[in-house]
Amino acid sequence: MAAAAPAGLLFGVTPVTATAGGGLSAMVADLRNLVTAIADSGVDPSGVVFVAAPAQAVSLKLLSGPNFDYGIAAANITPGTVIAVVNSASW
């Protein structure tokens, strides 16, 4: 009998659909929707870190400005991808 594998990182996570149209307003809407989904699930969103493909991470860092309170990290993931991750200290 094969051993059961543990649930993956995204097990039980409902994906947030990307905003159509692209551009800055779509990016803003996408980030807002990710943080809203986290908050709506009862998790404090103050510890959110956005993990993005390198091109998206650079864009986020350049466009976010000094009042952007969330972390941004680049990772070798599918181009165009941005994932919101919550620091476990926020739970």
Protein backbone atom coordinates (compact mmCIF):
# COMPACT_ATOMS: atom_id res chain seq x y z
CA MET A 1 0.00 0.00 0.00
CA ALA A 2 1.39 3.37 -1.02
CA ALA A 3 1.87 6.04 1.63
CA ALA A 4 -0.43 9.03 1.36
CA ALA A 5 1.32 12.24 0.36
CA PRO A 6 0.75 15.34 2.50
CA ALA A 7 -1.47 18.07 1.14
CA GLY A 8 0.31 20.57 -1.09
CA LEU A 9 0.91 24.23 -0.32
CA LEU A 10 -2.19 25.31 -2.24
CA PHE A 11 -4.51 22.56 -0.94
CA GLY A 12 -7.91 24.09 -0.17
CA VAL A 13 -6.95 27.51 -1.57
CA THR A 14 -9.48 29.18 -3.82
CA PRO A 15 -7.65 30.90 -6.69
CA VAL A 16 -8.29 34.58 -7.31
CA THR A 17 -9.01 35.29 -10.97
CA ALA A 18 -6.74 37.85 -12.60
CA THR A 19 -8.31 41.14 -13.67
CA ALA A 20 -8.73 41.43 -17.43
CA GLY A 21 -7.04 44.12 -19.45
CA GLY A 22 -3.57 44.19 -17.93
CA GLY A 23 -1.76 47.36 -17.03
CA LEU A 24 -1.41 49.22 -13.78
CA SER A 25 -5.10 49.33 -12.88
CA ALA A 26 -5.41 45.55 -13.36
CA MET A 27 -2.33 44.97 -11.19
CA VAL A 28 -3.76 47.17 -8.44
CA ALA A 29 -7.08 45.32 -8.61
CA ASP A 30 -5.33 41.93 -8.51
CA LEU A 31 -3.26 42.80 -5.42
CA ARG A 32 -6.31 44.27 -3.72
CA ASN A 33 -8.31 41.11 -4.49
CA LEU A 34 -5.55 38.87 -3.09
CA VAL A 35 -5.35 40.83 0.18
CA THR A 36 -9.14 40.98 0.44
CA ALA A 37 -9.40 37.20 0.01
CA ILE A 38 -6.87 36.70 2.81
CA ALA A 39 -8.68 39.11 5.11
CA ASP A 40 -12.07 37.59 4.28
CA SER A 41 -10.74 34.19 5.36
CA GLY A 42 -10.11 35.57 8.84
CA VAL A 43 -6.32 35.93 8.52
CA ASP A 44 -4.63 39.21 9.43
CA PRO A 45 -3.33 40.53 6.08
CA SER A 46 -0.64 42.72 7.64
CA GLY A 47 1.95 39.97 7.15
CA VAL A 48 1.30 39.46 3.44
CA VAL A 49 4.29 39.05 1.15
CA PHE A 50 3.75 39.02 -2.59
CA VAL A 51 5.86 36.37 -4.31
CA ALA A 52 6.14 37.08 -8.01
CA ALA A 53 7.96 36.03 -11.13
CA PRO A 54 11.07 38.24 -11.51
CA ALA A 55 9.57 40.63 -14.08
CA GLN A 56 6.44 41.15 -11.98
CA ALA A 57 8.49 41.56 -8.79
CA VAL A 58 10.58 44.32 -10.38
CA SER A 59 7.44 46.06 -11.64
CA LEU A 60 5.81 45.83 -8.22
CA LYS A 61 8.90 47.24 -6.51
CA LEU A 62 9.24 50.10 -8.99
CA LEU A 63 5.55 51.04 -8.95
CA SER A 64 4.60 50.41 -5.32
CA GLY A 65 6.01 53.58 -3.76
CA PRO A 66 7.16 54.28 -0.21
CA ASN A 67 3.75 53.73 1.43
CA PHE A 68 3.35 50.14 0.20
CA ASP A 69 3.34 48.14 3.45
CA TYR A 70 3.75 44.64 2.02
CA GLY A 71 6.86 42.66 1.20
CA ILE A 72 7.74 41.70 -2.37
CA ALA A 73 9.92 38.73 -3.24
CA ALA A 74 11.05 37.40 -6.62
CA ALA A 75 10.96 33.66 -7.28
CA ASN A 76 11.56 31.39 -10.23
CA ILE A 77 7.85 30.79 -10.90
CA THR A 78 5.71 30.96 -14.03
CA PRO A 79 6.11 34.37 -15.75
CA GLY A 80 3.17 36.63 -14.98
CA THR A 81 2.46 34.92 -11.68
CA VAL A 82 1.95 36.73 -8.38
CA ILE A 83 1.13 34.81 -5.22
CA ALA A 84 0.17 36.35 -1.87
CA VAL A 85 1.73 34.53 1.06
CA VAL A 86 0.96 35.26 4.71
CA ASN A 87 3.63 35.23 7.37
CA SER A 88 2.64 32.59 9.93
CA ALA A 89 3.13 35.15 12.71
CA SER A 90 0.00 36.89 11.37
CA TRP A 91 -2.26 33.90 12.10
